[in-house]
Amino acid sequence: MKRFTALLAGLTLALFSLLASAQTKFQEHKHYEDVAPQISAKGLPKSVAGFFWYGCGHCYAFEPTLESWLEHKPADIAFTRIPAVLGRNWIPHAQAFYATEQLGISDKTHQALFDAIHKDRKKLFAPTDIAEFLAEVSGEDAAKILVHMNAQDTHKSIADSIDTAQKYRLRGVPSILVGGKYLVDPGAVGQDLGAVIDFLLSQ
């Protein structure tokens, strides 16, 4: 019994040490911002949202880090991608994202669209050009993709994305929203993405 008590005390001390270390390592206004101060840090929903734009070079560079975290993330943390719309020329890429999600082909198109724009330097900004490219890499009909890009549900999703970005005062991408309260700058945390997410959800 004494051995168990000592072990429990040791584990508790180790946990507090880890949290204290994380608190020292990750600082507000440097690694993250509290964009919903009216919400208590206690018992936040285990949710993470990633804001991005296909035309953003920083988003493209961040994808491997994000994918690595997704491969190992705890099962109880829900993750959602949100195509940000911080300019009119961002709209076609948001349309592409929601259309491919609706058609169930995003696993074939998401990275492919990023690669085409940033690796292959293809000019994919017009809706028709985007639809033709997505059809080429997915095997889906280009006209069908274009219909979904212009569907009412897609426009509603884009409007919701804009509202969400405004609600959390999104200024740029990539950005990670943790628990609907904290906005994390991936450029500031680097490979410590998982650590800062765990830290913020365990406040």
N, C-alpha and C. Protein backbone atom coordinates (compact mmCIF):
# COMPACT_ATOMS: atom_id res chain seq x y z
N MET A 1 0.83 -1.20 0.00
CA MET A 1 0.00 0.00 0.00
C MET A 1 0.87 1.26 0.00
N LYS A 2 1.92 1.23 0.84
CA LYS A 2 2.82 2.39 0.90
C LYS A 2 3.54 2.58 -0.44
N ARG A 3 3.88 1.44 -1.06
CA ARG A 3 4.56 1.53 -2.36
C ARG A 3 3.64 2.14 -3.40
N PHE A 4 2.35 1.75 -3.36
CA PHE A 4 1.37 2.30 -4.31
C PHE A 4 1.19 3.79 -4.09
N THR A 5 1.09 4.19 -2.81
CA THR A 5 0.92 5.60 -2.48
C THR A 5 2.11 6.42 -2.96
N ALA A 6 3.30 5.87 -2.77
CA ALA A 6 4.51 6.57 -3.20
C ALA A 6 4.56 6.69 -4.72
N LEU A 7 4.12 5.61 -5.40
CA LEU A 7 4.09 5.63 -6.87
C LEU A 7 3.11 6.66 -7.38
N LEU A 8 1.92 6.71 -6.74
CA LEU A 8 0.90 7.68 -7.14
C LEU A 8 1.40 9.10 -6.92
N ALA A 9 2.06 9.32 -5.79
CA ALA A 9 2.60 10.65 -5.50
C ALA A 9 3.66 11.04 -6.52
N GLY A 10 4.47 10.06 -6.91
CA GLY A 10 5.51 10.32 -7.90
C GLY A 10 4.94 10.68 -9.25
N LEU A 11 3.88 9.96 -9.66
CA LEU A 11 3.23 10.24 -10.95
C LEU A 11 2.58 11.61 -10.93
N THR A 12 1.94 11.93 -9.82
CA THR A 12 1.29 13.25 -9.69
C THR A 12 2.32 14.37 -9.78
N LEU A 13 3.44 14.17 -9.10
CA LEU A 13 4.51 15.18 -9.13
C LEU A 13 5.06 15.32 -10.54
N ALA A 14 5.22 14.21 -11.24
CA ALA A 14 5.73 14.25 -12.60
C ALA A 14 4.77 14.99 -13.52
N LEU A 15 3.46 14.76 -13.32
CA LEU A 15 2.45 15.43 -14.14
C LEU A 15 2.50 16.94 -13.91
N PHE A 16 2.56 17.34 -12.64
CA PHE A 16 2.63 18.77 -12.34
C PHE A 16 3.90 19.39 -12.90
N SER A 17 4.98 18.63 -12.89
CA SER A 17 6.25 19.13 -13.43
C SER A 17 6.14 19.35 -14.93
N LEU A 18 5.49 18.40 -15.61
CA LEU A 18 5.32 18.53 -17.05
C LEU A 18 4.46 19.73 -17.39
N LEU A 19 3.36 19.91 -16.63
CA LEU A 19 2.47 21.05 -16.88
C LEU A 19 3.19 22.36 -16.60
N ALA A 20 3.97 22.40 -15.54
CA ALA A 20 4.72 23.62 -15.20
C ALA A 20 5.73 23.93 -16.29
N SER A 21 6.38 22.88 -16.81
CA SER A 21 7.36 23.05 -17.87
C SER A 21 6.69 23.59 -19.13
N ALA A 22 5.52 23.03 -19.46
CA ALA A 22 4.78 23.48 -20.65
C ALA A 22 4.34 24.93 -20.48
N GLN A 23 3.89 25.26 -19.25
CA GLN A 23 3.42 26.62 -19.00
C GLN A 23 4.55 27.63 -19.18
N THR A 24 5.76 27.23 -18.82
CA THR A 24 6.92 28.09 -18.99
C THR A 24 7.30 28.18 -20.46
N LYS A 25 7.16 27.07 -21.16
CA LYS A 25 7.59 26.99 -22.56
C LYS A 25 6.65 27.73 -23.49
N PHE A 26 5.33 27.58 -23.25
CA PHE A 26 4.34 28.20 -24.13
C PHE A 26 3.75 29.43 -23.47
N GLN A 27 3.88 30.57 -24.15
CA GLN A 27 3.45 31.83 -23.58
C GLN A 27 2.38 32.51 -24.45
N GLU A 28 1.40 33.07 -23.76
CA GLU A 28 0.36 33.82 -24.45
C GLU A 28 0.99 35.05 -25.11
N HIS A 29 0.45 35.40 -26.27
CA HIS A 29 0.91 36.52 -27.10
C HIS A 29 2.19 36.19 -27.86
N LYS A 30 2.78 35.04 -27.57
CA LYS A 30 3.95 34.60 -28.31
C LYS A 30 3.64 33.34 -29.11
N HIS A 31 3.09 32.35 -28.44
CA HIS A 31 2.76 31.08 -29.10
C HIS A 31 1.27 30.94 -29.38
N TYR A 32 0.45 31.63 -28.61
CA TYR A 32 -1.00 31.54 -28.79
C TYR A 32 -1.68 32.80 -28.27
N GLU A 33 -2.93 32.97 -28.69
CA GLU A 33 -3.75 34.09 -28.22
C GLU A 33 -5.06 33.55 -27.66
N ASP A 34 -5.52 34.15 -26.57
CA ASP A 34 -6.83 33.81 -26.03
C ASP A 34 -7.85 34.66 -26.77
N VAL A 35 -8.52 34.08 -27.76
CA VAL A 35 -9.44 34.85 -28.60
C VAL A 35 -10.89 34.76 -28.11
N ALA A 36 -11.09 34.07 -26.99
CA ALA A 36 -12.43 33.99 -26.39
C ALA A 36 -12.29 34.07 -24.87
N PRO A 37 -11.82 35.22 -24.35
CA PRO A 37 -11.57 35.35 -22.91
C PRO A 37 -12.81 35.16 -22.05
N GLN A 38 -13.99 35.29 -22.66
CA GLN A 38 -15.23 35.11 -21.90
C GLN A 38 -15.50 33.64 -21.59
N ILE A 39 -14.77 32.74 -22.26
CA ILE A 39 -14.94 31.31 -22.04
C ILE A 39 -13.90 30.82 -21.04
N SER A 40 -14.35 30.05 -20.07
CA SER A 40 -13.44 29.52 -19.06
C SER A 40 -12.47 28.52 -19.67
N ALA A 41 -11.25 28.52 -19.18
CA ALA A 41 -10.24 27.59 -19.68
C ALA A 41 -10.48 26.18 -19.14
N LYS A 42 -11.33 26.05 -18.14
CA LYS A 42 -11.61 24.76 -17.53
C LYS A 42 -12.62 23.97 -18.37
N GLY A 43 -12.30 22.73 -18.65
CA GLY A 43 -13.25 21.86 -19.33
C GLY A 43 -13.57 22.26 -20.76
N LEU A 44 -12.57 22.73 -21.49
CA LEU A 44 -12.80 23.10 -22.88
C LEU A 44 -13.15 21.86 -23.72
N PRO A 45 -13.97 22.04 -24.75
CA PRO A 45 -14.24 20.91 -25.64
C PRO A 45 -12.95 20.48 -26.33
N LYS A 46 -12.76 19.18 -26.48
CA LYS A 46 -11.54 18.68 -27.10
C LYS A 46 -11.68 18.76 -28.62
N SER A 47 -11.54 19.99 -29.10
CA SER A 47 -11.71 20.25 -30.53
C SER A 47 -10.55 21.09 -31.04
N VAL A 48 -10.14 20.80 -32.26
CA VAL A 48 -9.07 21.56 -32.91
C VAL A 48 -9.51 21.84 -34.34
N ALA A 49 -9.35 23.07 -34.77
CA ALA A 49 -9.70 23.46 -36.13
C ALA A 49 -8.48 24.08 -36.80
N GLY A 50 -8.25 23.72 -38.03
CA GLY A 50 -7.11 24.26 -38.76
C GLY A 50 -7.55 25.17 -39.89
N PHE A 51 -7.23 26.46 -39.80
CA PHE A 51 -7.53 27.42 -40.86
C PHE A 51 -6.41 27.39 -41.89
N PHE A 52 -6.76 27.38 -43.17
CA PHE A 52 -5.74 27.33 -44.22
C PHE A 52 -6.27 27.95 -45.50
N TRP A 53 -5.35 28.14 -46.45
CA TRP A 53 -5.69 28.56 -47.81
C TRP A 53 -4.76 27.82 -48.75
N TYR A 54 -5.33 27.24 -49.80
CA TYR A 54 -4.50 26.47 -50.73
C TYR A 54 -3.42 27.34 -51.40
N GLY A 55 -3.67 28.62 -51.50
CA GLY A 55 -2.70 29.50 -52.14
C GLY A 55 -1.59 29.99 -51.21
N CYS A 56 -1.61 29.54 -49.95
CA CYS A 56 -0.66 30.01 -48.95
C CYS A 56 0.55 29.10 -48.86
N GLY A 57 1.74 29.65 -49.12
CA GLY A 57 2.96 28.87 -49.05
C GLY A 57 3.28 28.38 -47.65
N HIS A 58 2.95 29.18 -46.64
CA HIS A 58 3.18 28.78 -45.25
C HIS A 58 2.26 27.61 -44.87
N CYS A 59 1.04 27.63 -45.39
CA CYS A 59 0.10 26.52 -45.14
C CYS A 59 0.64 25.24 -45.77
N TYR A 60 1.18 25.37 -46.96
CA TYR A 60 1.74 24.20 -47.66
C TYR A 60 2.92 23.62 -46.87
N ALA A 61 3.77 24.50 -46.35
CA ALA A 61 4.92 24.05 -45.58
C ALA A 61 4.51 23.43 -44.24
N PHE A 62 3.37 23.86 -43.72
CA PHE A 62 2.88 23.38 -42.43
C PHE A 62 2.17 22.02 -42.52
N GLU A 63 1.71 21.66 -43.72
CA GLU A 63 0.93 20.43 -43.89
C GLU A 63 1.61 19.18 -43.33
N PRO A 64 2.90 18.94 -43.58
CA PRO A 64 3.53 17.73 -43.02
C PRO A 64 3.48 17.68 -41.50
N THR A 65 3.67 18.83 -40.84
CA THR A 65 3.60 18.86 -39.37
C THR A 65 2.19 18.55 -38.91
N LEU A 66 1.21 19.15 -39.58
CA LEU A 66 -0.19 18.90 -39.22
C LEU A 66 -0.56 17.44 -39.44
N GLU A 67 -0.15 16.89 -40.57
CA GLU A 67 -0.46 15.50 -40.88
C GLU A 67 0.18 14.55 -39.87
N SER A 68 1.39 14.89 -39.44
CA SER A 68 2.07 14.07 -38.44
C SER A 68 1.30 14.07 -37.13
N TRP A 69 0.80 15.25 -36.73
CA TRP A 69 -0.01 15.32 -35.51
C TRP A 69 -1.31 14.53 -35.67
N LEU A 70 -1.94 14.63 -36.83
CA LEU A 70 -3.20 13.93 -37.07
C LEU A 70 -3.02 12.41 -36.99
N GLU A 71 -1.87 11.93 -37.41
CA GLU A 71 -1.61 10.49 -37.36
C GLU A 71 -1.53 9.96 -35.93
N HIS A 72 -1.15 10.83 -35.00
CA HIS A 72 -0.94 10.39 -33.62
C HIS A 72 -1.86 11.08 -32.62
N LYS A 73 -2.79 11.88 -33.09
CA LYS A 73 -3.63 12.63 -32.15
C LYS A 73 -4.52 11.69 -31.34
N PRO A 74 -4.83 12.08 -30.10
CA PRO A 74 -5.74 11.27 -29.28
C PRO A 74 -7.10 11.14 -29.97
N ALA A 75 -7.71 9.99 -29.82
CA ALA A 75 -8.98 9.71 -30.50
C ALA A 75 -10.11 10.62 -30.04
N ASP A 76 -9.99 11.16 -28.82
CA ASP A 76 -11.09 11.99 -28.29
C ASP A 76 -10.99 13.46 -28.70
N ILE A 77 -9.99 13.79 -29.49
CA ILE A 77 -9.88 15.16 -29.99
C ILE A 77 -10.43 15.23 -31.42
N ALA A 78 -11.45 16.04 -31.61
CA ALA A 78 -12.07 16.20 -32.93
C ALA A 78 -11.31 17.26 -33.73
N PHE A 79 -11.03 16.97 -35.00
CA PHE A 79 -10.30 17.92 -35.84
C PHE A 79 -11.13 18.29 -37.06
N THR A 80 -11.11 19.58 -37.40
CA THR A 80 -11.83 20.09 -38.57
C THR A 80 -10.94 21.03 -39.35
N ARG A 81 -10.92 20.87 -40.66
CA ARG A 81 -10.23 21.84 -41.52
C ARG A 81 -11.22 22.93 -41.90
N ILE A 82 -10.77 24.17 -41.88
CA ILE A 82 -11.61 25.30 -42.28
C ILE A 82 -10.86 26.14 -43.30
N PRO A 83 -11.33 26.14 -44.56
CA PRO A 83 -10.68 26.99 -45.56
C PRO A 83 -11.01 28.46 -45.27
N ALA A 84 -10.01 29.21 -44.93
CA ALA A 84 -10.23 30.62 -44.60
C ALA A 84 -10.52 31.42 -45.86
N VAL A 85 -11.29 32.47 -45.70
CA VAL A 85 -11.58 33.38 -46.82
C VAL A 85 -11.30 34.80 -46.33
N LEU A 86 -10.04 35.21 -46.49
CA LEU A 86 -9.63 36.54 -46.07
C LEU A 86 -9.47 37.49 -47.26
N GLY A 87 -9.91 37.04 -48.41
CA GLY A 87 -9.87 37.85 -49.63
C GLY A 87 -10.75 37.20 -50.69
N ARG A 88 -11.20 37.98 -51.65
CA ARG A 88 -12.12 37.45 -52.67
C ARG A 88 -11.46 36.33 -53.48
N ASN A 89 -10.15 36.44 -53.71
CA ASN A 89 -9.48 35.43 -54.52
C ASN A 89 -9.27 34.11 -53.76
N TRP A 90 -9.65 34.10 -52.48
CA TRP A 90 -9.58 32.87 -51.70
C TRP A 90 -10.84 32.01 -51.87
N ILE A 91 -11.90 32.62 -52.37
CA ILE A 91 -13.20 31.94 -52.45
C ILE A 91 -13.16 30.68 -53.30
N PRO A 92 -12.58 30.69 -54.53
CA PRO A 92 -12.58 29.47 -55.34
C PRO A 92 -11.91 28.28 -54.66
N HIS A 93 -10.87 28.53 -53.88
CA HIS A 93 -10.21 27.43 -53.18
C HIS A 93 -11.08 26.89 -52.05
N ALA A 94 -11.83 27.78 -51.39
CA ALA A 94 -12.77 27.32 -50.36
C ALA A 94 -13.88 26.51 -51.02
N GLN A 95 -14.33 26.95 -52.19
CA GLN A 95 -15.34 26.20 -52.93
C GLN A 95 -14.82 24.81 -53.27
N ALA A 96 -13.57 24.74 -53.68
CA ALA A 96 -12.96 23.45 -54.05
C ALA A 96 -12.93 22.52 -52.84
N PHE A 97 -12.54 23.05 -51.69
CA PHE A 97 -12.46 22.22 -50.49
C PHE A 97 -13.82 21.64 -50.13
N TYR A 98 -14.83 22.50 -50.07
CA TYR A 98 -16.15 22.02 -49.65
C TYR A 98 -16.77 21.09 -50.69
N ALA A 99 -16.52 21.35 -51.97
CA ALA A 99 -17.04 20.47 -53.02
C ALA A 99 -16.43 19.08 -52.92
N THR A 100 -15.12 19.01 -52.71
CA THR A 100 -14.47 17.70 -52.62
C THR A 100 -14.87 16.96 -51.35
N GLU A 101 -15.15 17.70 -50.28
CA GLU A 101 -15.64 17.07 -49.06
C GLU A 101 -17.02 16.46 -49.30
N GLN A 102 -17.88 17.21 -49.98
CA GLN A 102 -19.23 16.73 -50.26
C GLN A 102 -19.21 15.50 -51.16
N LEU A 103 -18.27 15.47 -52.08
CA LEU A 103 -18.18 14.36 -53.04
C LEU A 103 -17.37 13.19 -52.49
N GLY A 104 -16.75 13.37 -51.33
CA GLY A 104 -15.97 12.29 -50.73
C GLY A 104 -14.68 11.98 -51.45
N ILE A 105 -14.07 12.99 -52.07
CA ILE A 105 -12.84 12.76 -52.83
C ILE A 105 -11.66 13.57 -52.29
N SER A 106 -11.86 14.20 -51.13
CA SER A 106 -10.81 15.08 -50.60
C SER A 106 -9.52 14.34 -50.27
N ASP A 107 -9.61 13.04 -49.98
CA ASP A 107 -8.39 12.28 -49.71
C ASP A 107 -7.50 12.19 -50.94
N LYS A 108 -8.09 12.37 -52.12
CA LYS A 108 -7.33 12.34 -53.37
C LYS A 108 -6.92 13.74 -53.83
N THR A 109 -7.66 14.73 -53.37
CA THR A 109 -7.48 16.07 -53.94
C THR A 109 -6.78 17.08 -53.02
N HIS A 110 -6.88 16.90 -51.71
CA HIS A 110 -6.38 17.93 -50.79
C HIS A 110 -4.89 18.21 -50.97
N GLN A 111 -4.06 17.19 -50.79
CA GLN A 111 -2.62 17.38 -50.95
C GLN A 111 -2.26 17.64 -52.41
N ALA A 112 -3.01 17.02 -53.32
CA ALA A 112 -2.73 17.19 -54.75
C ALA A 112 -2.88 18.65 -55.18
N LEU A 113 -3.90 19.33 -54.65
CA LEU A 113 -4.11 20.73 -55.00
C LEU A 113 -3.01 21.61 -54.42
N PHE A 114 -2.62 21.32 -53.20
CA PHE A 114 -1.50 22.03 -52.59
C PHE A 114 -0.24 21.86 -53.45
N ASP A 115 0.06 20.60 -53.81
CA ASP A 115 1.27 20.31 -54.59
C ASP A 115 1.24 20.99 -55.96
N ALA A 116 0.10 20.97 -56.59
CA ALA A 116 -0.03 21.55 -57.93
C ALA A 116 0.29 23.04 -57.92
N ILE A 117 -0.19 23.73 -56.87
CA ILE A 117 0.00 25.18 -56.79
C ILE A 117 1.42 25.55 -56.37
N HIS A 118 1.96 24.85 -55.37
CA HIS A 118 3.23 25.26 -54.78
C HIS A 118 4.44 24.49 -55.30
N LYS A 119 4.24 23.25 -55.70
CA LYS A 119 5.36 22.45 -56.20
C LYS A 119 5.45 22.53 -57.71
N ASP A 120 4.29 22.38 -58.36
CA ASP A 120 4.28 22.37 -59.83
C ASP A 120 4.01 23.74 -60.43
N ARG A 121 3.71 24.73 -59.57
CA ARG A 121 3.51 26.13 -60.00
C ARG A 121 2.37 26.27 -61.02
N LYS A 122 1.33 25.50 -60.84
CA LYS A 122 0.17 25.62 -61.73
C LYS A 122 -0.71 26.77 -61.27
N LYS A 123 -1.25 27.49 -62.23
CA LYS A 123 -2.12 28.63 -61.93
C LYS A 123 -3.56 28.12 -61.78
N LEU A 124 -3.89 27.70 -60.58
CA LEU A 124 -5.21 27.15 -60.32
C LEU A 124 -5.98 28.08 -59.39
N PHE A 125 -6.56 29.11 -59.99
CA PHE A 125 -7.31 30.08 -59.22
C PHE A 125 -8.72 30.31 -59.78
N ALA A 126 -8.94 30.02 -61.06
CA ALA A 126 -10.27 30.15 -61.66
C ALA A 126 -11.06 28.88 -61.37
N PRO A 127 -12.34 28.99 -61.02
CA PRO A 127 -13.17 27.82 -60.68
C PRO A 127 -13.14 26.72 -61.73
N THR A 128 -13.22 27.08 -63.01
CA THR A 128 -13.23 26.05 -64.05
C THR A 128 -11.90 25.31 -64.12
N ASP A 129 -10.80 26.04 -63.98
CA ASP A 129 -9.47 25.40 -63.99
C ASP A 129 -9.30 24.48 -62.79
N ILE A 130 -9.79 24.93 -61.64
CA ILE A 130 -9.70 24.11 -60.43
C ILE A 130 -10.52 22.84 -60.58
N ALA A 131 -11.74 22.98 -61.10
CA ALA A 131 -12.62 21.82 -61.28
C ALA A 131 -12.01 20.80 -62.22
N GLU A 132 -11.40 21.27 -63.30
CA GLU A 132 -10.77 20.35 -64.26
C GLU A 132 -9.58 19.62 -63.62
N PHE A 133 -8.81 20.33 -62.81
CA PHE A 133 -7.69 19.69 -62.14
C PHE A 133 -8.18 18.65 -61.14
N LEU A 134 -9.17 19.01 -60.35
CA LEU A 134 -9.71 18.09 -59.35
C LEU A 134 -10.27 16.83 -60.01
N ALA A 135 -10.87 17.02 -61.17
CA ALA A 135 -11.42 15.87 -61.92
C ALA A 135 -10.28 14.96 -62.38
N GLU A 136 -9.20 15.58 -62.81
CA GLU A 136 -8.05 14.82 -63.31
C GLU A 136 -7.43 13.93 -62.23
N VAL A 137 -7.32 14.45 -61.01
CA VAL A 137 -6.65 13.68 -59.95
C VAL A 137 -7.59 12.75 -59.20
N SER A 138 -8.91 12.97 -59.34
CA SER A 138 -9.87 12.17 -58.57
C SER A 138 -10.66 11.18 -59.41
N GLY A 139 -10.75 11.45 -60.73
CA GLY A 139 -11.57 10.60 -61.58
C GLY A 139 -13.03 11.01 -61.59
N GLU A 140 -13.37 12.06 -60.84
CA GLU A 140 -14.75 12.57 -60.80
C GLU A 140 -15.00 13.47 -62.01
N ASP A 141 -16.24 13.67 -62.36
CA ASP A 141 -16.60 14.51 -63.50
C ASP A 141 -16.40 15.98 -63.16
N ALA A 142 -15.72 16.72 -64.04
CA ALA A 142 -15.42 18.13 -63.78
C ALA A 142 -16.69 18.98 -63.65
N ALA A 143 -17.67 18.69 -64.49
CA ALA A 143 -18.93 19.45 -64.43
C ALA A 143 -19.63 19.23 -63.09
N LYS A 144 -19.58 18.00 -62.61
CA LYS A 144 -20.20 17.68 -61.32
C LYS A 144 -19.49 18.41 -60.19
N ILE A 145 -18.18 18.46 -60.26
CA ILE A 145 -17.40 19.17 -59.25
C ILE A 145 -17.77 20.65 -59.26
N LEU A 146 -17.87 21.21 -60.45
CA LEU A 146 -18.20 22.63 -60.57
C LEU A 146 -19.60 22.92 -60.02
N VAL A 147 -20.53 22.01 -60.23
CA VAL A 147 -21.88 22.17 -59.68
C VAL A 147 -21.82 22.23 -58.16
N HIS A 148 -21.03 21.33 -57.56
CA HIS A 148 -20.90 21.32 -56.10
C HIS A 148 -20.15 22.56 -55.61
N MET A 149 -19.21 23.06 -56.39
CA MET A 149 -18.50 24.28 -56.00
C MET A 149 -19.44 25.47 -55.92
N ASN A 150 -20.49 25.44 -56.73
CA ASN A 150 -21.43 26.55 -56.77
C ASN A 150 -22.75 26.25 -56.06
N ALA A 151 -22.79 25.14 -55.35
CA ALA A 151 -24.02 24.74 -54.67
C ALA A 151 -24.33 25.64 -53.48
N GLN A 152 -25.59 25.68 -53.10
CA GLN A 152 -26.03 26.51 -51.98
C GLN A 152 -25.34 26.08 -50.68
N ASP A 153 -25.19 24.78 -50.48
CA ASP A 153 -24.53 24.28 -49.27
C ASP A 153 -23.08 24.78 -49.19
N THR A 154 -22.41 24.83 -50.33
CA THR A 154 -21.04 25.30 -50.36
C THR A 154 -20.97 26.78 -49.98
N HIS A 155 -21.86 27.57 -50.53
CA HIS A 155 -21.87 29.00 -50.20
C HIS A 155 -22.20 29.23 -48.73
N LYS A 156 -23.08 28.39 -48.18
CA LYS A 156 -23.40 28.52 -46.76
C LYS A 156 -22.18 28.17 -45.91
N SER A 157 -21.45 27.11 -46.30
CA SER A 157 -20.24 26.72 -45.57
C SER A 157 -19.19 27.82 -45.61
N ILE A 158 -19.07 28.48 -46.76
CA ILE A 158 -18.11 29.57 -46.89
C ILE A 158 -18.53 30.75 -46.01
N ALA A 159 -19.83 31.04 -45.97
CA ALA A 159 -20.32 32.11 -45.10
C ALA A 159 -20.04 31.79 -43.63
N ASP A 160 -20.22 30.52 -43.26
CA ASP A 160 -19.93 30.09 -41.89
C ASP A 160 -18.44 30.24 -41.58
N SER A 161 -17.60 29.91 -42.58
CA SER A 161 -16.15 30.04 -42.42
C SER A 161 -15.77 31.49 -42.17
N ILE A 162 -16.37 32.39 -42.93
CA ILE A 162 -16.09 33.83 -42.78
C ILE A 162 -16.52 34.30 -41.39
N ASP A 163 -17.71 33.85 -40.96
CA ASP A 163 -18.22 34.24 -39.63
C ASP A 163 -17.29 33.74 -38.53
N THR A 164 -16.81 32.50 -38.67
CA THR A 164 -15.92 31.91 -37.68
C THR A 164 -14.60 32.68 -37.61
N ALA A 165 -14.07 33.02 -38.77
CA ALA A 165 -12.81 33.77 -38.82
C ALA A 165 -12.97 35.14 -38.16
N GLN A 166 -14.09 35.78 -38.38
CA GLN A 166 -14.34 37.08 -37.77
C GLN A 166 -14.53 36.95 -36.26
N LYS A 167 -15.25 35.90 -35.85
CA LYS A 167 -15.51 35.68 -34.43
C LYS A 167 -14.22 35.52 -33.64
N TYR A 168 -13.25 34.81 -34.23
CA TYR A 168 -11.99 34.55 -33.53
C TYR A 168 -10.86 35.49 -33.98
N ARG A 169 -11.22 36.54 -34.68
CA ARG A 169 -10.28 37.59 -35.09
C ARG A 169 -9.08 37.00 -35.84
N LEU A 170 -9.37 36.12 -36.78
CA LEU A 170 -8.31 35.49 -37.57
C LEU A 170 -7.63 36.54 -38.44
N ARG A 171 -6.30 36.59 -38.36
CA ARG A 171 -5.54 37.58 -39.12
C ARG A 171 -4.71 36.97 -40.24
N GLY A 172 -4.47 35.68 -40.15
CA GLY A 172 -3.66 35.04 -41.18
C GLY A 172 -3.70 33.53 -41.05
N VAL A 173 -3.13 32.87 -42.02
CA VAL A 173 -3.07 31.41 -42.02
C VAL A 173 -1.63 30.97 -42.30
N PRO A 174 -1.28 29.75 -41.84
CA PRO A 174 -2.13 28.81 -41.11
C PRO A 174 -2.32 29.23 -39.66
N SER A 175 -3.46 28.86 -39.10
CA SER A 175 -3.74 29.09 -37.69
C SER A 175 -4.51 27.89 -37.16
N ILE A 176 -4.27 27.58 -35.89
CA ILE A 176 -4.93 26.45 -35.25
C ILE A 176 -5.78 26.95 -34.09
N LEU A 177 -7.07 26.65 -34.12
CA LEU A 177 -7.99 27.03 -33.05
C LEU A 177 -8.16 25.84 -32.12
N VAL A 178 -7.84 26.04 -30.85
CA VAL A 178 -7.90 24.96 -29.86
C VAL A 178 -9.02 25.22 -28.86
N GLY A 179 -9.95 24.26 -28.78
CA GLY A 179 -11.03 24.35 -27.80
C GLY A 179 -11.96 25.53 -27.98
N GLY A 180 -11.96 26.12 -29.16
CA GLY A 180 -12.82 27.28 -29.39
C GLY A 180 -12.43 28.49 -28.56
N LYS A 181 -11.17 28.49 -28.08
CA LYS A 181 -10.71 29.58 -27.21
C LYS A 181 -9.34 30.12 -27.58
N TYR A 182 -8.43 29.24 -27.95
CA TYR A 182 -7.05 29.66 -28.18
C TYR A 182 -6.68 29.55 -29.66
N LEU A 183 -6.06 30.59 -30.18
CA LEU A 183 -5.59 30.60 -31.56
C LEU A 183 -4.06 30.46 -31.53
N VAL A 184 -3.59 29.36 -32.11
CA VAL A 184 -2.15 29.04 -32.08
C VAL A 184 -1.49 29.41 -33.39
N ASP A 185 -0.31 30.00 -33.30
CA ASP A 185 0.49 30.34 -34.48
C ASP A 185 1.45 29.17 -34.74
N PRO A 186 1.21 28.35 -35.78
CA PRO A 186 2.09 27.21 -36.06
C PRO A 186 3.54 27.61 -36.27
N GLY A 187 3.76 28.79 -36.82
CA GLY A 187 5.12 29.25 -37.05
C GLY A 187 5.88 29.47 -35.75
N ALA A 188 5.16 29.76 -34.67
CA ALA A 188 5.81 30.03 -33.38
C ALA A 188 6.07 28.75 -32.59
N VAL A 189 5.26 27.70 -32.84
CA VAL A 189 5.42 26.47 -32.05
C VAL A 189 6.15 25.37 -32.79
N GLY A 190 6.20 25.45 -34.12
CA GLY A 190 6.95 24.47 -34.91
C GLY A 190 6.52 23.04 -34.66
N GLN A 191 7.49 22.17 -34.37
CA GLN A 191 7.22 20.76 -34.14
C GLN A 191 6.54 20.49 -32.80
N ASP A 192 6.37 21.53 -31.98
CA ASP A 192 5.71 21.38 -30.69
C ASP A 192 4.20 21.54 -30.78
N LEU A 193 3.64 21.40 -31.98
CA LEU A 193 2.21 21.59 -32.17
C LEU A 193 1.40 20.72 -31.22
N GLY A 194 1.71 19.43 -31.18
CA GLY A 194 0.97 18.52 -30.31
C GLY A 194 1.09 18.90 -28.84
N ALA A 195 2.28 19.32 -28.43
CA ALA A 195 2.52 19.69 -27.04
C ALA A 195 1.71 20.92 -26.63
N VAL A 196 1.63 21.91 -27.51
CA VAL A 196 0.88 23.12 -27.15
C VAL A 196 -0.61 22.85 -27.15
N ILE A 197 -1.09 21.96 -28.04
CA ILE A 197 -2.50 21.59 -28.03
C ILE A 197 -2.84 20.88 -26.73
N ASP A 198 -2.01 19.93 -26.32
CA ASP A 198 -2.23 19.21 -25.06
C ASP A 198 -2.21 20.17 -23.88
N PHE A 199 -1.27 21.10 -23.92
CA PHE A 199 -1.15 22.08 -22.84
C PHE A 199 -2.41 22.95 -22.72
N LEU A 200 -2.90 23.44 -23.84
CA LEU A 200 -4.05 24.33 -23.82
C LEU A 200 -5.34 23.61 -23.42
N LEU A 201 -5.46 22.35 -23.79
CA LEU A 201 -6.65 21.57 -23.45
C LEU A 201 -6.63 21.06 -22.00
N SER A 202 -5.46 21.17 -21.37
CA SER A 202 -5.34 20.65 -20.00
C SER A 202 -5.27 21.77 -18.97
N GLN A 203 -5.66 22.97 -19.36
CA GLN A 203 -5.60 24.12 -18.43
C GLN A 203 -6.52 23.89 -17.22
